[in-house]
Protein backbone atom coordinates (compact mmCIF):
# COMPACT_ATOMS: atom_id res chain seq x y z
CA MET A 1 -33.17 58.20 173.86
CA ASN A 2 -33.51 55.60 171.13
CA TYR A 3 -34.11 51.94 171.90
CA TYR A 4 -33.87 48.61 170.14
CA TYR A 5 -36.01 45.64 171.08
CA ASP A 6 -35.78 41.86 171.25
CA ILE A 7 -32.22 40.64 170.62
CA LYS A 8 -30.18 37.71 171.89
CA VAL A 9 -26.71 38.39 173.25
CA ASN A 10 -23.85 36.23 174.45
CA PHE A 11 -21.88 38.27 176.97
CA GLN A 12 -18.19 37.35 177.12
CA GLU A 13 -15.01 39.14 178.13
CA ASN A 14 -13.64 38.73 174.60
CA ASN A 15 -15.10 39.14 171.13
CA TYR A 16 -16.73 36.01 169.71
CA MET A 17 -18.58 36.05 166.42
CA PHE A 18 -22.03 34.44 166.44
CA TYR A 19 -20.70 31.31 164.72
CA GLU A 20 -18.31 30.77 167.64
CA TRP A 21 -21.06 30.73 170.25
CA SER A 22 -21.09 27.49 172.21
CA ASN A 23 -24.06 25.41 173.29
CA GLN A 24 -22.77 25.85 176.84
CA ASP A 25 -22.96 29.65 176.65
CA GLU A 26 -25.73 31.34 178.58
CA LEU A 27 -27.51 33.54 176.06
CA GLU A 28 -29.58 36.44 177.33
CA PHE A 29 -32.70 37.75 175.67
CA ILE A 30 -32.79 41.55 175.84
CA LYS A 31 -36.26 43.01 175.51
CA LYS A 32 -35.18 46.66 175.41
CA ILE A 33 -31.78 48.38 175.12
CA PRO A 34 -30.50 51.91 174.37
CA ILE A 35 -29.07 52.13 170.84
CA PHE A 36 -26.51 54.63 169.59
CA GLN A 37 -25.31 55.19 166.05
CA VAL A 38 -21.60 56.01 166.17
CA THR A 39 -18.91 56.80 163.64
CA GLU A 40 -16.95 54.09 161.85
CA LYS A 41 -13.88 55.02 163.90
CA ALA A 42 -15.84 54.74 167.14
CA ILE A 43 -17.25 51.27 166.35
CA LYS A 44 -13.72 50.06 165.54
CA ASP A 45 -12.47 51.46 168.85
CA LEU A 46 -15.34 49.89 170.79
CA ILE A 47 -14.82 46.49 169.16
CA ASN A 48 -11.04 46.39 169.30
CA HIS A 49 -10.35 47.95 172.70
CA GLN A 50 -11.29 47.98 176.33
CA ILE A 51 -12.73 51.45 176.84
CA GLN A 52 -14.05 53.68 179.59
CA MET A 53 -17.15 55.86 179.28
CA GLU A 54 -17.76 59.17 181.02
CA ASP A 55 -20.10 59.38 184.02
CA SER A 56 -22.60 61.41 182.01
CA PHE A 57 -23.02 58.52 179.55
CA LEU A 58 -23.51 56.05 182.39
CA GLU A 59 -26.22 58.26 183.86
CA LEU A 60 -27.93 58.36 180.48
CA ILE A 61 -28.17 54.56 180.14
CA ASN A 62 -28.60 53.71 183.83
CA ASP A 63 -31.09 50.81 184.22
CA LYS A 64 -32.41 51.33 180.69
CA THR A 65 -31.59 47.80 179.45
CA ILE A 66 -34.25 45.23 180.30
CA THR A 67 -33.90 41.45 179.97
CA GLU A 68 -36.55 38.82 180.61
CA ASP A 69 -35.95 38.84 184.36
CA LYS A 70 -33.83 41.86 185.32
CA LYS A 71 -32.37 45.24 184.43
CA LEU A 72 -28.76 45.68 183.39
CA LYS A 73 -27.36 48.76 185.09
CA TYR A 74 -25.04 50.05 182.38
CA CYS A 75 -25.49 48.50 178.95
CA ALA A 76 -25.96 49.79 175.40
CA LEU A 77 -26.00 48.76 171.75
CA PHE A 78 -23.63 50.60 169.43
CA VAL A 79 -23.99 50.49 165.67
CA SER A 80 -22.41 51.93 162.53
CA LYS A 81 -22.43 50.95 158.88
CA ASN A 82 -19.55 48.60 159.68
CA GLY A 83 -21.26 46.54 162.36
CA ALA A 84 -22.76 46.45 165.83
CA ILE A 85 -21.78 45.46 169.34
CA VAL A 86 -23.41 45.39 172.78
CA LEU A 87 -21.25 46.52 175.68
CA GLU A 88 -21.82 46.30 179.41
CA PHE A 89 -19.96 48.67 181.72
CA SER A 90 -18.85 48.66 185.34
CA ASP A 91 -19.73 51.42 187.80
CA ASP A 92 -16.58 53.31 186.83
CA GLY A 93 -17.46 53.16 183.14
CA LYS A 94 -15.05 50.43 182.03
CA SER A 95 -16.25 47.92 179.45
CA ILE A 96 -16.48 44.54 181.17
CA MET A 97 -18.64 42.34 178.95
CA ARG A 98 -19.36 42.38 175.23
CA SER A 99 -21.42 40.61 172.62
CA PHE A 100 -21.73 40.67 168.87
CA LEU A 101 -25.17 40.02 167.40
CA GLN A 102 -26.54 37.06 165.54
CA ILE A 103 -26.56 37.70 161.81
CA GLU A 104 -30.33 38.26 161.57
CA ASP A 105 -30.32 40.71 164.48
CA GLU A 106 -27.38 42.64 163.04
CA TYR A 107 -29.08 42.83 159.65
CA ASN A 108 -32.24 44.23 161.28
CA VAL A 109 -30.24 46.76 163.28
CA LEU A 110 -28.43 47.98 160.17
CA GLU A 111 -31.79 48.35 158.43
CA ILE A 112 -32.90 51.03 160.89
CA ILE A 113 -29.58 52.83 161.30
CA TYR A 114 -30.72 55.74 159.14
CA THR A 115 -33.57 56.48 161.55
CA ILE A 116 -31.15 57.00 164.45
CA PRO A 117 -29.18 60.23 164.88
CA LEU A 118 -25.40 60.06 165.03
CA SER A 119 -24.14 60.24 168.62
CA LYS A 120 -20.83 61.79 169.54
CA ILE A 121 -19.97 59.59 172.49
CA LYS A 122 -16.90 60.35 174.57
CA TYR A 123 -14.73 57.49 175.74
CA ARG A 124 -11.18 56.72 176.74
CA ILE A 125 -9.24 53.83 175.19
CA LEU A 126 -7.66 51.69 177.91
CA GLU A 127 -6.02 48.79 176.09
CA ILE A 128 -6.23 46.86 172.88
CA LEU A 129 -8.00 43.52 172.85
CA ASN A 130 -5.72 40.68 171.87
CA TYR A 131 -7.17 38.48 169.15
CA ASP A 132 -6.39 34.80 168.95
CA LYS A 133 -6.05 33.54 165.39
CA GLU A 134 -7.61 30.24 166.44
CA LEU A 135 -11.36 29.96 166.50
CA ARG A 136 -12.90 29.28 169.87
CA PHE A 137 -14.02 25.80 168.78
CA GLU A 138 -10.48 24.93 167.70
CA LYS A 139 -9.05 25.99 171.05
CA GLU A 140 -11.65 24.03 173.01
CA THR A 141 -11.19 20.94 170.83
CA LYS A 142 -7.43 20.97 171.34
CA ARG A 143 -7.82 21.57 175.07
CA PHE A 144 -10.24 18.64 175.32
CA ILE A 145 -7.90 16.25 173.49
CA LEU A 146 -4.86 17.42 175.45
CA LEU A 147 -6.65 16.88 178.75
CA GLU A 148 -7.66 13.37 177.70
CA ILE A 149 -4.26 12.18 176.52
CA THR A 150 -2.51 13.73 179.53
CA THR A 151 -4.95 12.06 181.91
CA LEU A 152 -4.53 8.69 180.19
CA TYR A 153 -0.77 9.00 180.49
CA LYS A 154 -0.86 9.95 184.17
CA ASN A 155 -3.25 7.10 184.96
CA SER A 156 -1.14 4.61 182.98
CA GLN A 157 -4.02 3.82 180.63
CA TYR A 158 -1.59 3.04 177.88
CA ASP A 159 -3.90 0.78 175.85
CA LYS A 160 -6.36 3.58 175.25
CA LEU A 161 -3.58 6.06 174.60
CA THR A 162 -2.07 3.68 172.06
CA PHE A 163 -5.45 3.22 170.38
CA LEU A 164 -5.88 6.98 169.97
CA TYR A 165 -2.33 7.31 168.67
CA ASN A 166 -2.85 4.59 166.05
CA GLU A 167 -6.14 6.15 164.92
CA TRP A 168 -4.54 9.57 164.79
CA PHE A 169 -1.29 8.82 162.96
CA ASN A 170 -2.04 5.44 161.38
CA GLU A 171 1.27 4.01 162.53
CA ASN A 172 2.60 1.72 165.22
CA GLU A 173 4.70 3.01 168.06
CA THR A 174 5.72 1.17 171.22
CA ASN A 175 7.26 4.03 173.20
CA ILE A 176 4.52 5.72 175.22
CA ASP A 177 6.58 8.87 175.83
CA VAL A 178 7.19 9.26 172.11
CA MET A 179 3.44 8.88 171.46
CA LEU A 180 2.50 11.49 174.01
CA GLN A 181 5.09 13.96 172.76
CA LYS A 182 4.02 13.56 169.15
CA MET A 183 0.36 14.06 170.03
CA GLN A 184 1.16 17.14 172.09
CA ASP A 185 3.26 18.56 169.25
CA LYS A 186 0.45 17.97 166.76
CA LEU A 187 -1.97 19.94 168.93
CA ARG A 188 0.28 22.99 168.53
CA GLU A 189 -0.42 22.94 164.80
CA GLU A 190 -3.53 23.82 162.85
CA LEU A 191 -6.59 21.68 163.55
CA THR A 192 -7.36 19.06 160.87
CA LYS A 193 -9.99 16.39 160.26
CA LYS A 194 -7.79 13.88 162.06
CA GLU A 195 -7.98 15.86 165.30
CA LEU A 196 -11.75 16.19 164.91
CA ASN A 197 -11.94 12.42 164.50
CA ILE A 198 -9.95 11.91 167.70
CA TYR A 199 -12.18 14.43 169.48
CA ASN A 200 -15.28 12.49 168.42
CA LEU A 201 -13.75 9.14 169.38
CA ILE A 202 -13.01 10.42 172.88
CA LYS A 203 -16.52 11.80 173.30
CA LEU A 204 -18.00 8.55 172.01
CA SER A 205 -15.97 6.54 174.51
CA TYR A 206 -17.57 8.45 177.39
CA ASN A 207 -21.07 8.19 175.93
CA ASN A 208 -20.69 4.41 175.84
CA VAL A 209 -19.65 4.09 179.47
């Protein structure tokens, strides 16, 4: 069994690159984890699909991953020349949580790949992972703005809603329903600096309360 030591992971149900990690995410520091070099096809399958491992593989990695305060029952680091990913599995072998590595950790892992034998792991592909074209930050920013403008509308806080509208579109509008609809429509489009400005204005308004 080969191991890798001292990496930070951000376990999520979906794939998020390190630059999409949020300050609210709970990162885990792994002190020791089984590492397997796999083929380029295998790493693509592991990254792009929900998969299920055989019982024999689960037995091999059982309780071998150690964090700062606990052991993870079924967890392993997989690496090829095309990248690396950490997967955590349920008792029946299904992938349940996943994490890419920070760029420095991935670079260090790829540096030692030639010292690790190639493993022929057996797995079953369950379903493809759906990728959202929007970055995680974009989705959360839009969700935050949408929640704010919807709440203002429901609470009849039309002055604040009008202020945001004027800052956003740099135009005057007297019909509140038209304002709300236009703002909602804009949030269905690609995020721009104007939306980021609105996001920051909303956050600032709460910081000043």
